[in-house]
PDB file of N, CA and C in Angstrom:
ATOM      1  N   MET A   1      16.635  -0.796  95.556  1.00  0.00           N
ATOM      2  CA  MET A   1      16.469  -0.730  94.232  1.00  0.00           C
ATOM      3  C   MET A   1      17.543  -1.778  93.564  1.00  0.00           C
ATOM      4  N   THR A   2      18.489  -2.060  93.997  1.00  0.00           N
ATOM      5  CA  THR A   2      19.731  -2.190  93.609  1.00  0.00           C
ATOM      6  C   THR A   2      19.741  -4.059  93.991  1.00  0.00           C
ATOM      7  N   ASN A   3      20.223  -3.958  92.733  1.00  0.00           N
ATOM      8  CA  ASN A   3      19.980  -6.231  92.816  1.00  0.00           C
ATOM      9  C   ASN A   3      21.832  -6.146  93.190  1.00  0.00           C
ATOM     10  N   GLY A   4      22.229  -5.516  94.296  1.00  0.00           N
ATOM     11  CA  GLY A   4      23.832  -6.156  94.649  1.00  0.00           C
ATOM     12  C   GLY A   4      23.996  -7.557  94.711  1.00  0.00           C
ATOM     13  N   GLY A   5      23.522  -8.325  94.936  1.00  0.00           N
ATOM     14  CA  GLY A   5      24.494  -9.491  95.391  1.00  0.00           C
ATOM     15  C   GLY A   5      23.981 -10.180  93.961  1.00  0.00           C
ATOM     16  N   GLU A   6      23.286  -9.869  92.544  1.00  0.00           N
ATOM     17  CA  GLU A   6      23.266 -10.591  91.852  1.00  0.00           C
ATOM     18  C   GLU A   6      24.565 -10.580  90.915  1.00  0.00           C
ATOM     19  N   LYS A   7      25.194 -11.244  91.120  1.00  0.00           N
ATOM     20  CA  LYS A   7      26.555 -11.196  89.502  1.00  0.00           C
ATOM     21  C   LYS A   7      26.420 -11.246  88.151  1.00  0.00           C
ATOM     22  N   ILE A   8      27.440 -11.025  87.291  1.00  0.00           N
ATOM     23  CA  ILE A   8      26.650 -10.937  85.596  1.00  0.00           C
ATOM     24  C   ILE A   8      27.199 -12.718  85.651  1.00  0.00           C
ATOM     25  N   GLY A   9      28.132 -12.699  86.350  1.00  0.00           N
ATOM     26  CA  GLY A   9      29.042 -14.138  86.084  1.00  0.00           C
ATOM     27  C   GLY A   9      30.760 -13.326  84.997  1.00  0.00           C
ATOM     28  N   VAL A  10      30.709 -12.124  84.743  1.00  0.00           N
ATOM     29  CA  VAL A  10      32.110 -12.128  83.799  1.00  0.00           C
ATOM     30  C   VAL A  10      33.513 -11.266  85.129  1.00  0.00           C
ATOM     31  N   PRO A  11      34.104 -12.240  84.997  1.00  0.00           N
ATOM     32  CA  PRO A  11      34.839 -11.135  86.494  1.00  0.00           C
ATOM     33  C   PRO A  11      34.953  -9.829  86.337  1.00  0.00           C
ATOM     34  N   GLU A  12      35.577  -9.468  85.660  1.00  0.00           N
ATOM     35  CA  GLU A  12      35.712  -8.015  84.619  1.00  0.00           C
ATOM     36  C   GLU A  12      34.346  -7.288  85.238  1.00  0.00           C
ATOM     37  N   CYS A  13      33.506  -7.886  84.614  1.00  0.00           N
ATOM     38  CA  CYS A  13      32.267  -7.347  85.322  1.00  0.00           C
ATOM     39  C   CYS A  13      31.365  -6.784  86.352  1.00  0.00           C
ATOM     40  N   ASP A  14      31.723  -8.126  87.793  1.00  0.00           N
ATOM     41  CA  ASP A  14      31.299  -8.395  88.653  1.00  0.00           C
ATOM     42  C   ASP A  14      32.718  -7.418  89.808  1.00  0.00           C
ATOM     43  N   GLU A  15      33.740  -7.821  88.687  1.00  0.00           N
ATOM     44  CA  GLU A  15      34.463  -6.458  90.590  1.00  0.00           C
ATOM     45  C   GLU A  15      33.963  -5.524  89.493  1.00  0.00           C
ATOM     46  N   PHE A  16      34.011  -4.269  88.808  1.00  0.00           N
ATOM     47  CA  PHE A  16      33.827  -3.171  88.377  1.00  0.00           C
ATOM     48  C   PHE A  16      32.671  -2.872  89.410  1.00  0.00           C
ATOM     49  N   ILE A  17      31.029  -3.759  88.734  1.00  0.00           N
ATOM     50  CA  ILE A  17      30.253  -3.352  89.675  1.00  0.00           C
ATOM     51  C   ILE A  17      29.925  -3.222  91.079  1.00  0.00           C
ATOM     52  N   ALA A  18      31.082  -4.491  91.907  1.00  0.00           N
ATOM     53  CA  ALA A  18      31.776  -3.730  93.020  1.00  0.00           C
ATOM     54  C   ALA A  18      32.093  -2.546  93.607  1.00  0.00           C
ATOM     55  N   LYS A  19      32.733  -2.563  92.478  1.00  0.00           N
ATOM     56  CA  LYS A  19      33.779  -1.049  93.372  1.00  0.00           C
ATOM     57  C   LYS A  19      33.247   0.410  93.107  1.00  0.00           C
ATOM     58  N   TYR A  20      31.870   0.186  92.194  1.00  0.00           N
ATOM     59  CA  TYR A  20      31.817   1.396  91.624  1.00  0.00           C
ATOM     60  C   TYR A  20      30.238   0.958  92.327  1.00  0.00           C
ATOM     61  N   ASP A  21      29.702   0.519  92.310  1.00  0.00           N
ATOM     62  CA  ASP A  21      28.938   0.488  93.737  1.00  0.00           C
ATOM     63  C   ASP A  21      29.170   1.106  95.834  1.00  0.00           C
ATOM     64  N   ALA A  22      30.157   0.066  95.449  1.00  0.00           N
ATOM     65  CA  ALA A  22      31.499   0.436  96.714  1.00  0.00           C
ATOM     66  C   ALA A  22      31.005   2.384  97.288  1.00  0.00           C
ATOM     67  N   CYS A  23      32.148   2.885  96.127  1.00  0.00           N
ATOM     68  CA  CYS A  23      32.314   4.837  95.879  1.00  0.00           C
ATOM     69  C   CYS A  23      30.836   4.809  95.721  1.00  0.00           C
ATOM     70  N   VAL A  24      29.808   4.558  95.381  1.00  0.00           N
ATOM     71  CA  VAL A  24      28.537   5.289  95.661  1.00  0.00           C
ATOM     72  C   VAL A  24      28.229   5.505  95.818  1.00  0.00           C
ATOM     73  N   SER A  25      28.179   4.369  97.247  1.00  0.00           N
ATOM     74  CA  SER A  25      27.808   4.251  98.252  1.00  0.00           C
ATOM     75  C   SER A  25      28.141   5.322  99.548  1.00  0.00           C
ATOM     76  N   LYS A  26      29.528   5.434  99.602  1.00  0.00           N
ATOM     77  CA  LYS A  26      30.461   5.396 100.556  1.00  0.00           C
ATOM     78  C   LYS A  26      30.893   6.551 100.489  1.00  0.00           C
ATOM     79  N   LYS A  27      31.408   7.042  98.964  1.00  0.00           N
ATOM     80  CA  LYS A  27      32.205   7.719  98.634  1.00  0.00           C
ATOM     81  C   LYS A  27      31.409   9.198  98.254  1.00  0.00           C
ATOM     82  N   VAL A  28      30.616   8.807  97.362  1.00  0.00           N
ATOM     83  CA  VAL A  28      29.704  10.001  96.473  1.00  0.00           C
ATOM     84  C   VAL A  28      28.919  10.547  97.431  1.00  0.00           C
ATOM     85  N   PRO A  29      28.451  12.510  97.415  1.00  0.00           N
ATOM     86  CA  PRO A  29      27.594  13.355  98.373  1.00  0.00           C
ATOM     87  C   PRO A  29      25.992  12.517  98.152  1.00  0.00           C
ATOM     88  N   GLU A  30      25.247  12.904  99.237  1.00  0.00           N
ATOM     89  CA  GLU A  30      23.710  12.371  98.688  1.00  0.00           C
ATOM     90  C   GLU A  30      23.286  12.320  97.923  1.00  0.00           C
ATOM     91  N   ALA A  31      23.198  13.721  97.463  1.00  0.00           N
ATOM     92  CA  ALA A  31      22.575  14.784  96.489  1.00  0.00           C
ATOM     93  C   ALA A  31      22.969  13.569  94.923  1.00  0.00           C
ATOM     94  N   ALA A  32      23.966  13.552  94.876  1.00  0.00           N
ATOM     95  CA  ALA A  32      24.601  12.494  93.514  1.00  0.00           C
ATOM     96  C   ALA A  32      23.902  11.466  93.208  1.00  0.00           C
ATOM     97  N   ARG A  33      24.355  11.299  93.518  1.00  0.00           N
ATOM     98  CA  ARG A  33      24.168   8.941  94.473  1.00  0.00           C
ATOM     99  C   ARG A  33      23.035   8.699  93.455  1.00  0.00           C
ATOM    100  N   ALA A  34      21.612   9.099  92.702  1.00  0.00           N
ATOM    101  CA  ALA A  34      20.942   8.448  92.713  1.00  0.00           C
ATOM    102  C   ALA A  34      21.373   9.053  91.060  1.00  0.00           C
ATOM    103  N   GLN A  35      21.495   9.765  90.635  1.00  0.00           N
ATOM    104  CA  GLN A  35      22.437   9.462  88.757  1.00  0.00           C
ATOM    105  C   GLN A  35      23.199   8.297  88.709  1.00  0.00           C
ATOM    106  N   TYR A  36      24.699   7.873  89.625  1.00  0.00           N
ATOM    107  CA  TYR A  36      25.550   7.190  89.796  1.00  0.00           C
ATOM    108  C   TYR A  36      24.737   5.792  89.779  1.00  0.00           C
ATOM    109  N   ARG A  37      23.719   6.078  90.414  1.00  0.00           N
ATOM    110  CA  ARG A  37      23.036   4.585  90.284  1.00  0.00           C
ATOM    111  C   ARG A  37      22.131   3.836  89.593  1.00  0.00           C
ATOM    112  N   ASN A  38      21.783   5.152  89.270  1.00  0.00           N
ATOM    113  CA  ASN A  38      20.605   4.898  88.182  1.00  0.00           C
ATOM    114  C   ASN A  38      21.083   4.198  86.570  1.00  0.00           C
ATOM    115  N   VAL A  39      22.601   4.906  86.334  1.00  0.00           N
ATOM    116  CA  VAL A  39      24.109   4.212  85.437  1.00  0.00           C
ATOM    117  C   VAL A  39      24.542   2.761  85.830  1.00  0.00           C
ATOM    118  N   LEU A  40      24.267   2.734  87.027  1.00  0.00           N
ATOM    119  CA  LEU A  40      24.847   1.384  87.256  1.00  0.00           C
ATOM    120  C   LEU A  40      23.536  -0.140  87.196  1.00  0.00           C
ATOM    121  N   GLU A  41      22.294   0.635  87.631  1.00  0.00           N
ATOM    122  CA  GLU A  41      21.369  -0.358  87.400  1.00  0.00           C
ATOM    123  C   GLU A  41      21.419  -0.786  85.662  1.00  0.00           C
ATOM    124  N   GLN A  42      21.722   0.508  84.967  1.00  0.00           N
ATOM    125  CA  GLN A  42      22.015   0.623  83.639  1.00  0.00           C
ATOM    126  C   GLN A  42      22.869  -0.580  82.921  1.00  0.00           C
ATOM    127  N   TRP A  43      23.978  -0.426  83.623  1.00  0.00           N
ATOM    128  CA  TRP A  43      24.826  -1.284  83.113  1.00  0.00           C
ATOM    129  C   TRP A  43      24.369  -2.803  83.334  1.00  0.00           C
ATOM    130  N   ARG A  44      24.166  -3.301  84.223  1.00  0.00           N
ATOM    131  CA  ARG A  44      23.140  -4.550  85.167  1.00  0.00           C
ATOM    132  C   ARG A  44      22.630  -5.104  84.513  1.00  0.00           C
ATOM    133  N   GLU A  45      21.518  -4.621  84.223  1.00  0.00           N
ATOM    134  CA  GLU A  45      20.695  -4.413  83.272  1.00  0.00           C
ATOM    135  C   GLU A  45      21.384  -5.358  81.653  1.00  0.00           C
ATOM    136  N   SER A  46      21.635  -4.416  81.427  1.00  0.00           N
ATOM    137  CA  SER A  46      22.206  -4.433  79.392  1.00  0.00           C
ATOM    138  C   SER A  46      23.398  -5.437  80.254  1.00  0.00           C
ATOM    139  N   TRP A  47      23.947  -6.082  80.643  1.00  0.00           N
ATOM    140  CA  TRP A  47      25.340  -6.873  80.809  1.00  0.00           C
ATOM    141  C   TRP A  47      25.016  -7.956  82.044  1.00  0.00           C
ATOM    142  N   ARG A  48      23.364  -7.967  81.893  1.00  0.00           N
ATOM    143  CA  ARG A  48      23.554  -9.517  82.831  1.00  0.00           C
ATOM    144  C   ARG A  48      22.175 -10.250  81.153  1.00  0.00           C
ATOM    145  N   LYS A  49      21.613  -8.935  80.249  1.00  0.00           N
ATOM    146  CA  LYS A  49      21.661  -9.849  78.684  1.00  0.00           C
ATOM    147  C   LYS A  49      22.150 -10.340  77.868  1.00  0.00           C
ATOM    148  N   LEU A  50      22.981  -9.347  77.798  1.00  0.00           N
ATOM    149  CA  LEU A  50      24.320  -9.594  76.916  1.00  0.00           C
ATOM    150  C   LEU A  50      25.855 -10.900  77.675  1.00  0.00           C
ATOM    151  N   ALA A  51      25.512 -11.447  78.956  1.00  0.00           N
ATOM    152  CA  ALA A  51      25.825 -12.394  79.335  1.00  0.00           C
ATOM    153  C   ALA A  51      24.855 -13.690  78.892  1.00  0.00           C
ATOM    154  N   ALA A  52      24.054 -13.914  79.182  1.00  0.00           N
ATOM    155  CA  ALA A  52      23.241 -14.584  78.595  1.00  0.00           C
ATOM    156  C   ALA A  52      23.298 -15.392  77.076  1.00  0.00           C
ATOM    157  N   ASN A  53      24.425 -14.767  76.293  1.00  0.00           N
ATOM    158  CA  ASN A  53      23.902 -15.074  75.177  1.00  0.00           C
ATOM    159  C   ASN A  53      25.353 -15.169  75.253  1.00  0.00           C
ATOM    160  N   PRO A  54      25.351 -16.295  74.332  1.00  0.00           N
ATOM    161  CA  PRO A  54      27.328 -16.374  74.494  1.00  0.00           C
ATOM    162  C   PRO A  54      27.801 -15.338  73.705  1.00  0.00           C
ATOM    163  N   GLN A  55      27.368 -14.944  72.215  1.00  0.00           N
ATOM    164  CA  GLN A  55      28.284 -13.988  71.723  1.00  0.00           C
ATOM    165  C   GLN A  55      28.189 -12.596  72.556  1.00  0.00           C
ATOM    166  N   GLY A  56      27.511 -12.462  73.231  1.00  0.00           N
ATOM    167  CA  GLY A  56      27.204 -11.526  73.793  1.00  0.00           C
ATOM    168  C   GLY A  56      28.366 -11.225  75.017  1.00  0.00           C
ATOM    169  N   ARG A  57      28.961 -12.515  75.948  1.00  0.00           N
ATOM    170  CA  ARG A  57      28.720 -12.609  77.088  1.00  0.00           C
ATOM    171  C   ARG A  57      30.410 -12.513  76.691  1.00  0.00           C
ATOM    172  N   ALA A  58      30.959 -12.715  75.808  1.00  0.00           N
ATOM    173  CA  ALA A  58      32.212 -12.992  74.808  1.00  0.00           C
ATOM    174  C   ALA A  58      33.023 -11.396  74.628  1.00  0.00           C
ATOM    175  N   THR A  59      31.887 -10.543  73.958  1.00  0.00           N
ATOM    176  CA  THR A  59      32.274  -8.713  74.301  1.00  0.00           C
ATOM    177  C   THR A  59      32.648  -8.077  75.721  1.00  0.00           C
ATOM    178  N   LEU A  60      31.719  -9.442  76.623  1.00  0.00           N
ATOM    179  CA  LEU A  60      31.307  -8.378  77.966  1.00  0.00           C
ATOM    180  C   LEU A  60      32.330  -7.963  79.060  1.00  0.00           C
ATOM    181  N   ALA A  61      33.985  -8.697  79.026  1.00  0.00           N
ATOM    182  CA  ALA A  61      35.035  -8.559  79.787  1.00  0.00           C
ATOM    183  C   ALA A  61      35.676  -6.792  78.891  1.00  0.00           C
ATOM    184  N   SER A  62      35.711  -6.718  77.646  1.00  0.00           N
ATOM    185  CA  SER A  62      36.112  -5.498  76.902  1.00  0.00           C
ATOM    186  C   SER A  62      35.314  -4.399  77.291  1.00  0.00           C
ATOM    187  N   ALA A  63      33.776  -4.572  77.923  1.00  0.00           N
ATOM    188  CA  ALA A  63      32.884  -3.365  78.321  1.00  0.00           C
ATOM    189  C   ALA A  63      33.125  -3.512  79.256  1.00  0.00           C
ATOM    190  N   CYS A  64      33.218  -3.855  80.109  1.00  0.00           N
ATOM    191  CA  CYS A  64      33.187  -3.441  81.529  1.00  0.00           C
ATOM    192  C   CYS A  64      34.599  -3.057  81.583  1.00  0.00           C
ATOM    193  N   LYS A  65      35.776  -3.388  81.265  1.00  0.00           N
ATOM    194  CA  LYS A  65      37.042  -2.849  81.337  1.00  0.00           C
ATOM    195  C   LYS A  65      36.858  -1.243  81.046  1.00  0.00           C
ATOM    196  N   GLN A  66      36.257  -0.895  79.525  1.00  0.00           N
ATOM    197  CA  GLN A  66      36.198   0.258  79.134  1.00  0.00           C
ATOM    198  C   GLN A  66      34.565   1.221  79.893  1.00  0.00           C
ATOM    199  N   ALA A  67      34.173   0.435  80.199  1.00  0.00           N
ATOM    200  CA  ALA A  67      33.417   0.895  81.595  1.00  0.00           C
ATOM    201  C   ALA A  67      33.237   1.875  82.926  1.00  0.00           C
ATOM    202  N   ALA A  68      34.494   1.186  83.374  1.00  0.00           N
ATOM    203  CA  ALA A  68      35.313   1.481  84.024  1.00  0.00           C
ATOM    204  C   ALA A  68      36.481   3.009  83.613  1.00  0.00           C
ATOM    205  N   GLN A  69      36.928   3.356  82.913  1.00  0.00           N
ATOM    206  CA  GLN A  69      37.652   3.536  82.554  1.00  0.00           C
ATOM    207  C   GLN A  69      36.465   4.708  82.023  1.00  0.00           C
ATOM    208  N   GLN A  70      35.915   4.886  82.050  1.00  0.00           N
ATOM    209  CA  GLN A  70      34.479   6.427  81.884  1.00  0.00           C
ATOM    210  C   GLN A  70      34.438   6.578  82.828  1.00  0.00           C
ATOM    211  N   ALA A  71      33.803   5.634  83.300  1.00  0.00           N
ATOM    212  CA  ALA A  71      34.114   6.166  84.906  1.00  0.00           C
ATOM    213  C   ALA A  71      35.006   7.132  86.151  1.00  0.00           C
ATOM    214  N   ALA A  72      35.964   7.271  85.104  1.00  0.00           N
ATOM    215  CA  ALA A  72      37.253   8.208  86.189  1.00  0.00           C
ATOM    216  C   ALA A  72      36.990   9.620  86.704  1.00  0.00           C
ATOM    217  N   THR A  73      35.184   9.926  86.256  1.00  0.00           N
ATOM    218  CA  THR A  73      34.808  10.904  87.009  1.00  0.00           C
ATOM    219  C   THR A  73      34.395  10.924  88.517  1.00  0.00           C
ATOM    220  N   LEU A  74      34.347   9.444  88.721  1.00  0.00           N
ATOM    221  CA  LEU A  74      34.440   9.314  90.487  1.00  0.00           C
ATOM    222  C   LEU A  74      35.817   9.217  90.881  1.00  0.00           C
ATOM    223  N   LYS A  75      36.604   9.475  90.453  1.00  0.00           N
ATOM    224  CA  LYS A  75      37.841   9.776  90.868  1.00  0.00           C
ATOM    225  C   LYS A  75      37.999  11.067  91.772  1.00  0.00           C
ATOM    226  N   THR A  76      37.153  12.050  91.690  1.00  0.00           N
ATOM    227  CA  THR A  76      37.233  12.808  91.550  1.00  0.00           C
ATOM    228  C   THR A  76      36.361  13.036  93.476  1.00  0.00           C
ATOM    229  N   TYR A  77      36.458  11.777  93.743  1.00  0.00           N
ATOM    230  CA  TYR A  77      35.214  11.362  95.182  1.00  0.00           C
ATOM    231  C   TYR A  77      36.250  10.691  95.614  1.00  0.00           C
ATOM    232  N   GLY A  78      37.607  10.270  94.988  1.00  0.00           N
ATOM    233  CA  GLY A  78      38.601   9.231  95.932  1.00  0.00           C
ATOM    234  C   GLY A  78      38.091   8.196  95.460  1.00  0.00           C
ATOM    235  N   CYS A  79      36.827   7.762  94.217  1.00  0.00           N
ATOM    236  CA  CYS A  79      37.135   6.148  93.832  1.00  0.00           C
ATOM    237  C   CYS A  79      38.478   6.060  93.046  1.00  0.00           C
ATOM    238  N   ALA A  80      39.008   4.765  92.821  1.00  0.00           N
ATOM    239  CA  ALA A  80      40.147   3.968  92.183  1.00  0.00           C
ATOM    240  C   ALA A  80      39.061   2.872  90.690  1.00  0.00           C
ATOM    241  N   PHE A  81      39.239   3.006  89.981  1.00  0.00           N
ATOM    242  CA  PHE A  81      39.204   1.458  89.351  1.00  0.00           C
ATOM    243  C   PHE A  81      40.089   0.992  88.952  1.00  0.00           C
TER     244      PHE A  81
END
Protein backbone atom coordinates (compact mmCIF):
# COMPACT_ATOMS: atom_id res chain seq x y z
CA MET A 1 0.00 0.00 0.00
CA THR A 2 2.94 2.36 0.58
CA ASN A 3 4.60 4.22 -2.24
CA GLY A 4 8.03 3.86 -0.68
CA GLY A 5 9.97 4.60 -3.84
CA GLU A 6 8.21 7.87 -4.62
CA LYS A 7 10.07 10.92 -3.37
CA ILE A 8 8.54 14.24 -2.43
CA GLY A 9 11.48 16.11 -3.93
CA VAL A 10 12.28 18.08 -0.79
CA PRO A 11 15.33 16.61 1.03
CA GLU A 12 13.95 17.23 4.55
CA CYS A 13 10.73 15.41 3.66
CA ASP A 14 12.34 12.54 1.79
CA GLU A 15 14.80 11.94 4.63
CA PHE A 16 12.08 12.07 7.28
CA ILE A 17 9.80 9.70 5.35
CA ALA A 18 12.64 7.21 4.84
CA LYS A 19 13.53 7.24 8.54
CA TYR A 20 9.89 7.05 9.66
CA ASP A 21 9.13 4.19 7.28
CA ALA A 22 12.24 2.25 8.38
CA CYS A 23 11.35 2.76 12.04
CA VAL A 24 7.78 1.60 11.61
CA SER A 25 8.80 -1.39 9.48
CA LYS A 26 11.59 -2.59 11.76
CA LYS A 27 10.87 -1.46 15.31
CA VAL A 28 7.17 -0.84 15.84
CA PRO A 29 5.20 -3.94 16.93
CA GLU A 30 3.00 -5.36 14.18
CA ALA A 31 -0.17 -4.55 16.11
CA ALA A 32 0.62 -0.82 16.04
CA ARG A 33 2.09 -0.50 12.53
CA ALA A 34 -1.14 0.19 10.62
CA GLN A 35 -1.80 3.35 12.63
CA TYR A 36 1.69 4.74 11.90
CA ARG A 37 1.57 3.74 8.24
CA ASN A 38 -1.77 5.54 7.80
CA VAL A 39 -0.22 8.74 9.16
CA LEU A 40 2.76 8.29 6.84
CA GLU A 41 0.52 7.89 3.80
CA GLN A 42 -1.44 11.02 4.74
CA TRP A 43 1.82 12.98 4.99
CA ARG A 44 3.04 11.64 1.66
CA GLU A 45 -0.16 12.55 -0.14
CA SER A 46 -0.37 16.00 1.42
CA TRP A 47 3.30 16.78 0.85
CA ARG A 48 3.21 15.63 -2.76
CA LYS A 49 0.34 18.03 -3.42
CA LEU A 50 2.23 20.87 -1.75
CA ALA A 51 5.41 20.05 -3.68
CA ALA A 52 3.52 20.40 -6.97
CA ASN A 53 2.86 24.07 -6.19
CA PRO A 54 5.84 26.50 -5.93
CA GLN A 55 4.26 28.34 -2.99
CA GLY A 56 3.48 25.11 -1.17
CA ARG A 57 6.90 23.69 -1.95
CA ALA A 58 8.50 26.67 -0.18
CA THR A 59 6.83 25.67 3.10
CA LEU A 60 7.57 21.96 2.94
CA ALA A 61 11.04 21.89 4.51
CA SER A 62 9.75 23.47 7.72
CA ALA A 63 6.59 21.33 7.68
CA CYS A 64 8.66 18.16 7.44
CA LYS A 65 11.01 19.27 10.21
CA GLN A 66 7.97 19.92 12.39
CA ALA A 67 6.58 16.46 11.58
CA ALA A 68 9.91 14.94 12.64
CA GLN A 69 9.63 16.71 15.99
CA GLN A 70 6.07 15.47 16.42
CA ALA A 71 7.18 11.91 15.64
CA ALA A 72 9.06 11.88 18.92
CA THR A 73 6.56 9.32 20.22
CA LEU A 74 8.40 6.76 18.08
CA LYS A 75 11.48 7.24 20.27
CA THR A 76 9.83 4.80 22.67
CA TYR A 77 10.53 2.17 19.97
CA GLY A 78 14.18 3.22 19.65
CA CYS A 79 13.79 5.46 16.61
CA ALA A 80 15.50 8.80 16.10
CA PHE A 81 14.66 11.63 13.71
